[in-house]
PDB file of N, CA and C in Angstrom:
ATOM      1  N   MET A   1       5.037 -46.274   1.660  1.00  0.00           N
ATOM      2  CA  MET A   1       4.686 -44.909   2.024  1.00  0.00           C
ATOM      3  C   MET A   1       4.115 -44.930   3.450  1.00  0.00           C
ATOM      4  N   ASN A   2       4.637 -44.036   4.314  1.00  0.00           N
ATOM      5  CA  ASN A   2       4.123 -43.995   5.687  1.00  0.00           C
ATOM      6  C   ASN A   2       2.885 -43.103   5.759  1.00  0.00           C
ATOM      7  N   SER A   3       2.284 -42.989   6.923  1.00  0.00           N
ATOM      8  CA  SER A   3       1.015 -42.254   7.060  1.00  0.00           C
ATOM      9  C   SER A   3       1.175 -40.759   6.808  1.00  0.00           C
ATOM     10  N   VAL A   4       2.313 -40.189   7.186  1.00  0.00           N
ATOM     11  CA  VAL A   4       2.533 -38.749   6.954  1.00  0.00           C
ATOM     12  C   VAL A   4       2.659 -38.490   5.463  1.00  0.00           C
ATOM     13  N   GLN A   5       3.423 -39.307   4.746  1.00  0.00           N
ATOM     14  CA  GLN A   5       3.566 -39.127   3.307  1.00  0.00           C
ATOM     15  C   GLN A   5       2.225 -39.304   2.606  1.00  0.00           C
ATOM     16  N   ALA A   6       1.406 -40.229   3.085  1.00  0.00           N
ATOM     17  CA  ALA A   6       0.092 -40.452   2.495  1.00  0.00           C
ATOM     18  C   ALA A   6      -0.780 -39.219   2.667  1.00  0.00           C
ATOM     19  N   ARG A   7      -0.738 -38.597   3.836  1.00  0.00           N
ATOM     20  CA  ARG A   7      -1.542 -37.386   4.076  1.00  0.00           C
ATOM     21  C   ARG A   7      -1.072 -36.227   3.203  1.00  0.00           C
ATOM     22  N   ILE A   8       0.252 -36.107   3.018  1.00  0.00           N
ATOM     23  CA  ILE A   8       0.793 -35.013   2.219  1.00  0.00           C
ATOM     24  C   ILE A   8       0.421 -35.190   0.754  1.00  0.00           C
ATOM     25  N   SER A   9       0.495 -36.423   0.248  1.00  0.00           N
ATOM     26  CA  SER A   9       0.235 -36.654  -1.169  1.00  0.00           C
ATOM     27  C   SER A   9      -1.251 -36.733  -1.491  1.00  0.00           C
ATOM     28  N   ASP A  10      -2.111 -36.939  -0.502  1.00  0.00           N
ATOM     29  CA  ASP A  10      -3.546 -37.073  -0.748  1.00  0.00           C
ATOM     30  C   ASP A  10      -4.253 -35.776  -0.373  1.00  0.00           C
ATOM     31  N   PRO A  11      -4.681 -34.970  -1.357  1.00  0.00           N
ATOM     32  CA  PRO A  11      -5.320 -33.682  -1.041  1.00  0.00           C
ATOM     33  C   PRO A  11      -6.654 -33.835  -0.336  1.00  0.00           C
ATOM     34  N   THR A  12      -7.259 -35.016  -0.391  1.00  0.00           N
ATOM     35  CA  THR A  12      -8.547 -35.216   0.284  1.00  0.00           C
ATOM     36  C   THR A  12      -8.368 -35.709   1.707  1.00  0.00           C
ATOM     37  N   ALA A  13      -7.125 -35.918   2.125  1.00  0.00           N
ATOM     38  CA  ALA A  13      -6.871 -36.425   3.479  1.00  0.00           C
ATOM     39  C   ALA A  13      -7.267 -35.378   4.513  1.00  0.00           C
ATOM     40  N   SER A  14      -7.447 -35.815   5.718  1.00  0.00           N
ATOM     41  CA  SER A  14      -7.841 -34.925   6.812  1.00  0.00           C
ATOM     42  C   SER A  14      -6.822 -33.813   6.994  1.00  0.00           C
ATOM     43  N   ARG A  15      -7.302 -32.632   7.325  1.00  0.00           N
ATOM     44  CA  ARG A  15      -6.420 -31.494   7.548  1.00  0.00           C
ATOM     45  C   ARG A  15      -5.732 -31.581   8.912  1.00  0.00           C
ATOM     46  N   HIS A  16      -6.173 -32.479   9.747  1.00  0.00           N
ATOM     47  CA  HIS A  16      -5.594 -32.609  11.079  1.00  0.00           C
ATOM     48  C   HIS A  16      -4.417 -33.563  11.014  1.00  0.00           C
ATOM     49  N   SER A  17      -3.241 -32.997  10.879  1.00  0.00           N
ATOM     50  CA  SER A  17      -2.027 -33.790  10.756  1.00  0.00           C
ATOM     51  C   SER A  17      -1.430 -33.992  12.137  1.00  0.00           C
ATOM     52  N   PRO A  18      -0.778 -35.129  12.389  1.00  0.00           N
ATOM     53  CA  PRO A  18      -0.122 -35.320  13.678  1.00  0.00           C
ATOM     54  C   PRO A  18       1.091 -34.406  13.830  1.00  0.00           C
ATOM     55  N   LEU A  19       1.553 -33.817  12.719  1.00  0.00           N
ATOM     56  CA  LEU A  19       2.688 -32.896  12.772  1.00  0.00           C
ATOM     57  C   LEU A  19       2.172 -31.473  12.579  1.00  0.00           C
ATOM     58  N   PRO A  20       2.096 -30.671  13.658  1.00  0.00           N
ATOM     59  CA  PRO A  20       1.570 -29.313  13.498  1.00  0.00           C
ATOM     60  C   PRO A  20       2.519 -28.461  12.661  1.00  0.00           C
ATOM     61  N   LEU A  21       1.940 -27.629  11.819  1.00  0.00           N
ATOM     62  CA  LEU A  21       2.731 -26.723  10.997  1.00  0.00           C
ATOM     63  C   LEU A  21       2.981 -25.432  11.753  1.00  0.00           C
ATOM     64  N   PRO A  22       4.162 -24.829  11.591  1.00  0.00           N
ATOM     65  CA  PRO A  22       4.402 -23.518  12.211  1.00  0.00           C
ATOM     66  C   PRO A  22       3.441 -22.490  11.629  1.00  0.00           C
ATOM     67  N   ALA A  23       3.129 -21.474  12.388  1.00  0.00           N
ATOM     68  CA  ALA A  23       2.171 -20.457  11.959  1.00  0.00           C
ATOM     69  C   ALA A  23       2.605 -19.782  10.665  1.00  0.00           C
ATOM     70  N   ALA A  24       3.908 -19.666  10.431  1.00  0.00           N
ATOM     71  CA  ALA A  24       4.403 -18.983   9.245  1.00  0.00           C
ATOM     72  C   ALA A  24       4.094 -19.744   7.964  1.00  0.00           C
ATOM     73  N   THR A  25       3.763 -21.027   8.058  1.00  0.00           N
ATOM     74  CA  THR A  25       3.503 -21.798   6.849  1.00  0.00           C
ATOM     75  C   THR A  25       2.027 -21.822   6.466  1.00  0.00           C
ATOM     76  N   VAL A  26       1.178 -21.121   7.200  1.00  0.00           N
ATOM     77  CA  VAL A  26      -0.235 -21.071   6.865  1.00  0.00           C
ATOM     78  C   VAL A  26      -0.379 -20.320   5.544  1.00  0.00           C
ATOM     79  N   ILE A  27      -1.060 -20.932   4.610  1.00  0.00           N
ATOM     80  CA  ILE A  27      -1.232 -20.315   3.297  1.00  0.00           C
ATOM     81  C   ILE A  27      -2.612 -19.677   3.249  1.00  0.00           C
ATOM     82  N   ARG A  28      -2.629 -18.406   2.961  1.00  0.00           N
ATOM     83  CA  ARG A  28      -3.890 -17.672   2.876  1.00  0.00           C
ATOM     84  C   ARG A  28      -4.066 -17.144   1.463  1.00  0.00           C
ATOM     85  N   ALA A  29      -5.300 -16.902   1.104  1.00  0.00           N
ATOM     86  CA  ALA A  29      -5.572 -16.315  -0.203  1.00  0.00           C
ATOM     87  C   ALA A  29      -4.987 -14.910  -0.236  1.00  0.00           C
ATOM     88  N   PRO A  30      -4.446 -14.482  -1.366  1.00  0.00           N
ATOM     89  CA  PRO A  30      -3.869 -13.139  -1.441  1.00  0.00           C
ATOM     90  C   PRO A  30      -4.946 -12.079  -1.253  1.00  0.00           C
ATOM     91  N   PHE A  31      -4.559 -10.981  -0.623  1.00  0.00           N
ATOM     92  CA  PHE A  31      -5.474  -9.864  -0.415  1.00  0.00           C
ATOM     93  C   PHE A  31      -5.668  -9.160  -1.752  1.00  0.00           C
ATOM     94  N   ARG A  32      -6.879  -9.046  -2.188  1.00  0.00           N
ATOM     95  CA  ARG A  32      -7.180  -8.428  -3.471  1.00  0.00           C
ATOM     96  C   ARG A  32      -8.230  -7.344  -3.282  1.00  0.00           C
ATOM     97  N   LEU A  33      -8.097  -6.273  -4.058  1.00  0.00           N
ATOM     98  CA  LEU A  33      -9.065  -5.189  -4.037  1.00  0.00           C
ATOM     99  C   LEU A  33      -9.929  -5.252  -5.286  1.00  0.00           C
ATOM    100  N   THR A  34     -11.157  -4.823  -5.144  1.00  0.00           N
ATOM    101  CA  THR A  34     -12.002  -4.659  -6.326  1.00  0.00           C
ATOM    102  C   THR A  34     -11.578  -3.355  -7.009  1.00  0.00           C
ATOM    103  N   PRO A  35     -11.926  -3.155  -8.270  1.00  0.00           N
ATOM    104  CA  PRO A  35     -11.577  -1.881  -8.927  1.00  0.00           C
ATOM    105  C   PRO A  35     -12.117  -0.661  -8.176  1.00  0.00           C
ATOM    106  N   ALA A  36     -13.312  -0.763  -7.617  1.00  0.00           N
ATOM    107  CA  ALA A  36     -13.881   0.367  -6.862  1.00  0.00           C
ATOM    108  C   ALA A  36     -13.068   0.641  -5.598  1.00  0.00           C
ATOM    109  N   GLN A  37     -12.645  -0.411  -4.906  1.00  0.00           N
ATOM    110  CA  GLN A  37     -11.825  -0.232  -3.707  1.00  0.00           C
ATOM    111  C   GLN A  37     -10.463   0.357  -4.069  1.00  0.00           C
ATOM    112  N   ALA A  38      -9.876  -0.117  -5.151  1.00  0.00           N
ATOM    113  CA  ALA A  38      -8.579   0.396  -5.593  1.00  0.00           C
ATOM    114  C   ALA A  38      -8.688   1.876  -5.937  1.00  0.00           C
ATOM    115  N   GLU A  39      -9.793   2.257  -6.553  1.00  0.00           N
ATOM    116  CA  GLU A  39     -10.007   3.672  -6.895  1.00  0.00           C
ATOM    117  C   GLU A  39     -10.093   4.527  -5.636  1.00  0.00           C
ATOM    118  N   ARG A  40     -10.773   4.024  -4.609  1.00  0.00           N
ATOM    119  CA  ARG A  40     -10.916   4.783  -3.360  1.00  0.00           C
ATOM    120  C   ARG A  40      -9.615   4.924  -2.594  1.00  0.00           C
ATOM    121  N   VAL A  41      -8.741   3.947  -2.680  1.00  0.00           N
ATOM    122  CA  VAL A  41      -7.504   3.966  -1.903  1.00  0.00           C
ATOM    123  C   VAL A  41      -6.351   4.632  -2.662  1.00  0.00           C
ATOM    124  N   PHE A  42      -6.507   4.835  -3.966  1.00  0.00           N
ATOM    125  CA  PHE A  42      -5.453   5.397  -4.796  1.00  0.00           C
ATOM    126  C   PHE A  42      -5.009   6.786  -4.322  1.00  0.00           C
ATOM    127  N   VAL A  43      -5.934   7.710  -4.195  1.00  0.00           N
ATOM    128  CA  VAL A  43      -5.587   9.094  -3.846  1.00  0.00           C
ATOM    129  C   VAL A  43      -4.941   9.187  -2.463  1.00  0.00           C
ATOM    130  N   PRO A  44      -5.476   8.560  -1.412  1.00  0.00           N
ATOM    131  CA  PRO A  44      -4.787   8.633  -0.122  1.00  0.00           C
ATOM    132  C   PRO A  44      -3.373   8.034  -0.155  1.00  0.00           C
ATOM    133  N   LEU A  45      -3.180   6.947  -0.902  1.00  0.00           N
ATOM    134  CA  LEU A  45      -1.836   6.366  -0.992  1.00  0.00           C
ATOM    135  C   LEU A  45      -0.872   7.283  -1.731  1.00  0.00           C
ATOM    136  N   ILE A  46      -1.341   7.913  -2.787  1.00  0.00           N
ATOM    137  CA  ILE A  46      -0.495   8.869  -3.510  1.00  0.00           C
ATOM    138  C   ILE A  46      -0.160  10.048  -2.605  1.00  0.00           C
ATOM    139  N   ALA A  47      -1.139  10.571  -1.887  1.00  0.00           N
ATOM    140  CA  ALA A  47      -0.893  11.702  -0.988  1.00  0.00           C
ATOM    141  C   ALA A  47       0.084  11.317   0.117  1.00  0.00           C
ATOM    142  N   LEU A  48      -0.072  10.125   0.674  1.00  0.00           N
ATOM    143  CA  LEU A  48       0.825   9.652   1.731  1.00  0.00           C
ATOM    144  C   LEU A  48       2.249   9.505   1.205  1.00  0.00           C
ATOM    145  N   THR A  49       2.390   8.874   0.047  1.00  0.00           N
ATOM    146  CA  THR A  49       3.711   8.635  -0.525  1.00  0.00           C
ATOM    147  C   THR A  49       4.400   9.939  -0.914  1.00  0.00           C
ATOM    148  N   MET A  50       3.698  10.786  -1.624  1.00  0.00           N
ATOM    149  CA  MET A  50       4.320  12.037  -2.081  1.00  0.00           C
ATOM    150  C   MET A  50       4.632  12.973  -0.924  1.00  0.00           C
ATOM    151  N   SER A  51       3.730  13.080   0.044  1.00  0.00           N
ATOM    152  CA  SER A  51       4.005  13.972   1.176  1.00  0.00           C
ATOM    153  C   SER A  51       5.185  13.446   1.992  1.00  0.00           C
ATOM    154  N   GLY A  52       5.284  12.124   2.121  1.00  0.00           N
ATOM    155  CA  GLY A  52       6.416  11.545   2.846  1.00  0.00           C
ATOM    156  C   GLY A  52       7.738  11.805   2.159  1.00  0.00           C
ATOM    157  N   LEU A  53       7.783  11.559   0.857  1.00  0.00           N
ATOM    158  CA  LEU A  53       9.025  11.759   0.111  1.00  0.00           C
ATOM    159  C   LEU A  53       9.402  13.235   0.043  1.00  0.00           C
ATOM    160  N   MET A  54       8.441  14.080  -0.238  1.00  0.00           N
ATOM    161  CA  MET A  54       8.734  15.509  -0.335  1.00  0.00           C
ATOM    162  C   MET A  54       9.148  16.096   1.010  1.00  0.00           C
ATOM    163  N   SER A  55       8.476  15.686   2.084  1.00  0.00           N
ATOM    164  CA  SER A  55       8.850  16.207   3.398  1.00  0.00           C
ATOM    165  C   SER A  55      10.234  15.711   3.805  1.00  0.00           C
ATOM    166  N   PHE A  56      10.593  14.481   3.416  1.00  0.00           N
ATOM    167  CA  PHE A  56      11.929  13.957   3.707  1.00  0.00           C
ATOM    168  C   PHE A  56      12.991  14.812   3.025  1.00  0.00           C
ATOM    169  N   VAL A  57      12.805  15.067   1.740  1.00  0.00           N
ATOM    170  CA  VAL A  57      13.787  15.849   0.975  1.00  0.00           C
ATOM    171  C   VAL A  57      13.858  17.283   1.497  1.00  0.00           C
ATOM    172  N   MET A  58      12.716  17.892   1.739  1.00  0.00           N
ATOM    173  CA  MET A  58      12.719  19.282   2.213  1.00  0.00           C
ATOM    174  C   MET A  58      13.298  19.395   3.620  1.00  0.00           C
ATOM    175  N   THR A  59      12.970  18.477   4.503  1.00  0.00           N
ATOM    176  CA  THR A  59      13.529  18.504   5.857  1.00  0.00           C
ATOM    177  C   THR A  59      15.035  18.292   5.809  1.00  0.00           C
ATOM    178  N   ALA A  60      15.492  17.347   5.005  1.00  0.00           N
ATOM    179  CA  ALA A  60      16.930  17.089   4.893  1.00  0.00           C
ATOM    180  C   ALA A  60      17.656  18.279   4.294  1.00  0.00           C
ATOM    181  N   SER A  61      17.080  18.914   3.283  1.00  0.00           N
ATOM    182  CA  SER A  61      17.764  20.043   2.660  1.00  0.00           C
ATOM    183  C   SER A  61      17.770  21.278   3.551  1.00  0.00           C
ATOM    184  N   ASN A  62      16.734  21.452   4.364  1.00  0.00           N
ATOM    185  CA  ASN A  62      16.679  22.632   5.239  1.00  0.00           C
ATOM    186  C   ASN A  62      17.428  22.452   6.552  1.00  0.00           C
ATOM    187  N   LEU A  63      17.374  21.247   7.133  1.00  0.00           N
ATOM    188  CA  LEU A  63      17.970  21.030   8.449  1.00  0.00           C
ATOM    189  C   LEU A  63      19.211  20.150   8.412  1.00  0.00           C
ATOM    190  N   GLY A  64      19.383  19.373   7.345  1.00  0.00           N
ATOM    191  CA  GLY A  64      20.460  18.401   7.304  1.00  0.00           C
ATOM    192  C   GLY A  64      20.071  17.160   8.098  1.00  0.00           C
ATOM    193  N   ILE A  65      20.861  16.112   7.905  1.00  0.00           N
ATOM    194  CA  ILE A  65      20.620  14.856   8.620  1.00  0.00           C
ATOM    195  C   ILE A  65      21.379  14.915   9.942  1.00  0.00           C
ATOM    196  N   HIS A  66      20.646  14.826  11.033  1.00  0.00           N
ATOM    197  CA  HIS A  66      21.246  14.896  12.376  1.00  0.00           C
ATOM    198  C   HIS A  66      20.402  14.063  13.323  1.00  0.00           C
ATOM    199  N   ALA A  67      20.738  14.071  14.575  1.00  0.00           N
ATOM    200  CA  ALA A  67      20.053  13.225  15.562  1.00  0.00           C
ATOM    201  C   ALA A  67      18.559  13.532  15.662  1.00  0.00           C
ATOM    202  N   GLY A  68      18.153  14.770  15.508  1.00  0.00           N
ATOM    203  CA  GLY A  68      16.745  15.139  15.614  1.00  0.00           C
ATOM    204  C   GLY A  68      15.983  15.039  14.304  1.00  0.00           C
ATOM    205  N   PHE A  69      16.652  14.588  13.250  1.00  0.00           N
ATOM    206  CA  PHE A  69      16.029  14.540  11.932  1.00  0.00           C
ATOM    207  C   PHE A  69      14.768  13.669  11.880  1.00  0.00           C
ATOM    208  N   PRO A  70      14.784  12.431  12.404  1.00  0.00           N
ATOM    209  CA  PRO A  70      13.574  11.601  12.280  1.00  0.00           C
ATOM    210  C   PRO A  70      12.321  12.254  12.860  1.00  0.00           C
ATOM    211  N   LEU A  71      12.435  12.870  14.023  1.00  0.00           N
ATOM    212  CA  LEU A  71      11.271  13.521  14.631  1.00  0.00           C
ATOM    213  C   LEU A  71      10.830  14.722  13.799  1.00  0.00           C
ATOM    214  N   ALA A  72      11.789  15.527  13.354  1.00  0.00           N
ATOM    215  CA  ALA A  72      11.452  16.695  12.532  1.00  0.00           C
ATOM    216  C   ALA A  72      10.779  16.251  11.233  1.00  0.00           C
ATOM    217  N   TRP A  73      11.313  15.192  10.620  1.00  0.00           N
ATOM    218  CA  TRP A  73      10.731  14.702   9.370  1.00  0.00           C
ATOM    219  C   TRP A  73       9.303  14.205   9.587  1.00  0.00           C
ATOM    220  N   LEU A  74       9.073  13.414  10.647  1.00  0.00           N
ATOM    221  CA  LEU A  74       7.725  12.895  10.899  1.00  0.00           C
ATOM    222  C   LEU A  74       6.727  14.017  11.177  1.00  0.00           C
ATOM    223  N   GLN A  75       7.174  15.056  11.878  1.00  0.00           N
ATOM    224  CA  GLN A  75       6.292  16.198  12.126  1.00  0.00           C
ATOM    225  C   GLN A  75       5.952  16.906  10.818  1.00  0.00           C
ATOM    226  N   ASN A  76       6.964  17.093   9.971  1.00  0.00           N
ATOM    227  CA  ASN A  76       6.728  17.739   8.686  1.00  0.00           C
ATOM    228  C   ASN A  76       5.877  16.857   7.769  1.00  0.00           C
ATOM    229  N   TRP A  77       6.077  15.539   7.848  1.00  0.00           N
ATOM    230  CA  TRP A  77       5.283  14.624   7.040  1.00  0.00           C
ATOM    231  C   TRP A  77       3.815  14.707   7.441  1.00  0.00           C
ATOM    232  N   ALA A  78       3.556  14.736   8.738  1.00  0.00           N
ATOM    233  CA  ALA A  78       2.167  14.841   9.212  1.00  0.00           C
ATOM    234  C   ALA A  78       1.514  16.118   8.685  1.00  0.00           C
ATOM    235  N   LEU A  79       2.230  17.225   8.775  1.00  0.00           N
ATOM    236  CA  LEU A  79       1.694  18.492   8.266  1.00  0.00           C
ATOM    237  C   LEU A  79       1.490  18.414   6.759  1.00  0.00           C
ATOM    238  N   GLY A  80       2.462  17.866   6.058  1.00  0.00           N
ATOM    239  CA  GLY A  80       2.346  17.740   4.609  1.00  0.00           C
ATOM    240  C   GLY A  80       1.169  16.874   4.196  1.00  0.00           C
ATOM    241  N   PHE A  81       0.937  15.783   4.921  1.00  0.00           N
ATOM    242  CA  PHE A  81      -0.171  14.900   4.583  1.00  0.00           C
ATOM    243  C   PHE A  81      -1.511  15.573   4.838  1.00  0.00           C
ATOM    244  N   VAL A  82      -1.600  16.362   5.910  1.00  0.00           N
ATOM    245  CA  VAL A  82      -2.843  17.079   6.214  1.00  0.00           C
ATOM    246  C   VAL A  82      -3.188  18.053   5.087  1.00  0.00           C
ATOM    247  N   VAL A  83      -2.183  18.600   4.440  1.00  0.00           N
ATOM    248  CA  VAL A  83      -2.412  19.492   3.296  1.00  0.00           C
ATOM    249  C   VAL A  83      -2.615  18.680   2.006  1.00  0.00           C
ATOM    250  N   ALA A  84      -1.815  17.625   1.816  1.00  0.00           N
ATOM    251  CA  ALA A  84      -1.830  16.875   0.562  1.00  0.00           C
ATOM    252  C   ALA A  84      -3.118  16.095   0.335  1.00  0.00           C
ATOM    253  N   LEU A  85      -3.669  15.484   1.361  1.00  0.00           N
ATOM    254  CA  LEU A  85      -4.850  14.644   1.160  1.00  0.00           C
ATOM    255  C   LEU A  85      -6.063  15.427   0.666  1.00  0.00           C
ATOM    256  N   PRO A  86      -6.482  16.489   1.352  1.00  0.00           N
ATOM    257  CA  PRO A  86      -7.644  17.217   0.813  1.00  0.00           C
ATOM    258  C   PRO A  86      -7.352  17.847  -0.544  1.00  0.00           C
ATOM    259  N   THR A  87      -6.118  18.296  -0.746  1.00  0.00           N
ATOM    260  CA  THR A  87      -5.757  18.857  -2.048  1.00  0.00           C
ATOM    261  C   THR A  87      -5.899  17.806  -3.137  1.00  0.00           C
ATOM    262  N   ALA A  88      -5.357  16.617  -2.892  1.00  0.00           N
ATOM    263  CA  ALA A  88      -5.438  15.543  -3.882  1.00  0.00           C
ATOM    264  C   ALA A  88      -6.883  15.106  -4.109  1.00  0.00           C
ATOM    265  N   LEU A  89      -7.678  15.060  -3.045  1.00  0.00           N
ATOM    266  CA  LEU A  89      -9.080  14.655  -3.194  1.00  0.00           C
ATOM    267  C   LEU A  89      -9.855  15.632  -4.068  1.00  0.00           C
ATOM    268  N   LEU A  90      -9.452  16.896  -4.061  1.00  0.00           N
ATOM    269  CA  LEU A  90     -10.110  17.901  -4.898  1.00  0.00           C
ATOM    270  C   LEU A  90      -9.498  17.982  -6.290  1.00  0.00           C
ATOM    271  N   VAL A  91      -8.195  17.885  -6.386  1.00  0.00           N
ATOM    272  CA  VAL A  91      -7.498  18.119  -7.644  1.00  0.00           C
ATOM    273  C   VAL A  91      -7.536  16.905  -8.577  1.00  0.00           C
ATOM    274  N   VAL A  92      -7.356  15.707  -8.064  1.00  0.00           N
ATOM    275  CA  VAL A  92      -7.282  14.518  -8.921  1.00  0.00           C
ATOM    276  C   VAL A  92      -8.553  14.338  -9.752  1.00  0.00           C
ATOM    277  N   PRO A  93      -9.735  14.423  -9.176  1.00  0.00           N
ATOM    278  CA  PRO A  93     -10.932  14.281 -10.025  1.00  0.00           C
ATOM    279  C   PRO A  93     -11.022  15.370 -11.099  1.00  0.00           C
ATOM    280  N   ALA A  94     -10.632  16.585 -10.771  1.00  0.00           N
ATOM    281  CA  ALA A  94     -10.671  17.669 -11.757  1.00  0.00           C
ATOM    282  C   ALA A  94      -9.683  17.398 -12.890  1.00  0.00           C
ATOM    283  N   ILE A  95      -8.511  16.911 -12.564  1.00  0.00           N
ATOM    284  CA  ILE A  95      -7.526  16.587 -13.600  1.00  0.00           C
ATOM    285  C   ILE A  95      -8.032  15.437 -14.464  1.00  0.00           C
ATOM    286  N   ARG A  96      -8.636  14.431 -13.848  1.00  0.00           N
ATOM    287  CA  ARG A  96      -9.180  13.305 -14.629  1.00  0.00           C
ATOM    288  C   ARG A  96     -10.272  13.778 -15.590  1.00  0.00           C
ATOM    289  N   ARG A  97     -11.150  14.663 -15.124  1.00  0.00           N
ATOM    290  CA  ARG A  97     -12.205  15.193 -16.000  1.00  0.00           C
ATOM    291  C   ARG A  97     -11.592  15.977 -17.151  1.00  0.00           C
ATOM    292  N   GLY A  98     -10.610  16.806 -16.855  1.00  0.00           N
ATOM    293  CA  GLY A  98      -9.954  17.589 -17.902  1.00  0.00           C
ATOM    294  C   GLY A  98      -9.255  16.701 -18.923  1.00  0.00           C
ATOM    295  N   LEU A  99      -8.574  15.687 -18.445  1.00  0.00           N
ATOM    296  CA  LEU A  99      -7.900  14.759 -19.368  1.00  0.00           C
ATOM    297  C   LEU A  99      -8.903  13.967 -20.190  1.00  0.00           C
ATOM    298  N   ALA A 100     -10.035  13.617 -19.604  1.00  0.00           N
ATOM    299  CA  ALA A 100     -11.054  12.868 -20.335  1.00  0.00           C
ATOM    300  C   ALA A 100     -11.596  13.694 -21.507  1.00  0.00           C
ATOM    301  N   ARG A 101     -11.619  15.018 -21.357  1.00  0.00           N
ATOM    302  CA  ARG A 101     -12.116  15.883 -22.431  1.00  0.00           C
ATOM    303  C   ARG A 101     -11.165  15.934 -23.635  1.00  0.00           C
ATOM    304  N   VAL A 102      -9.884  15.779 -23.366  1.00  0.00           N
ATOM    305  CA  VAL A 102      -8.897  15.912 -24.451  1.00  0.00           C
ATOM    306  C   VAL A 102      -8.304  14.579 -24.891  1.00  0.00           C
ATOM    307  N   THR A 103      -8.790  13.485 -24.341  1.00  0.00           N
ATOM    308  CA  THR A 103      -8.281  12.167 -24.672  1.00  0.00           C
ATOM    309  C   THR A 103      -9.109  11.548 -25.790  1.00  0.00           C
ATOM    310  N   VAL A 104      -8.433  11.000 -26.798  1.00  0.00           N
ATOM    311  CA  VAL A 104      -9.130  10.304 -27.869  1.00  0.00           C
ATOM    312  C   VAL A 104      -8.845   8.822 -27.749  1.00  0.00           C
ATOM    313  N   SER A 105      -9.821   8.010 -28.110  1.00  0.00           N
ATOM    314  CA  SER A 105      -9.608   6.564 -28.072  1.00  0.00           C
ATOM    315  C   SER A 105      -9.121   6.110 -29.443  1.00  0.00           C
ATOM    316  N   HIS A 106      -8.345   5.042 -29.434  1.00  0.00           N
ATOM    317  CA  HIS A 106      -7.855   4.478 -30.695  1.00  0.00           C
ATOM    318  C   HIS A 106      -8.967   3.671 -31.336  1.00  0.00           C
ATOM    319  N   GLY A 107      -9.249   3.948 -32.560  1.00  0.00           N
ATOM    320  CA  GLY A 107     -10.208   3.112 -33.282  1.00  0.00           C
ATOM    321  C   GLY A 107     -11.525   3.704 -33.511  1.00  0.00           C
TER     322      GLY A 107
END
């Protein structure tokens, strides 16, 4: 076994290898959210996704797909998101409270 193979097979070996690894091979811990963080980011992501999809469909159905479509869609998406985010921030908690009142647990 040569020195490079020894370093690869020995997890306690020095991290300074004579063979530099490309930046793409750097292994990082996966990005994870706590439940509280996931709860905070849920509504903005839903508003962003729904406003984007709805504005795409509405822009395409009203104007058709043409050279100016991407700019028109992005403008409509921005307007849709400005309306969707505050609406979702107000409506989602109210819907959750209402559902909690009529939801029964098993057992």
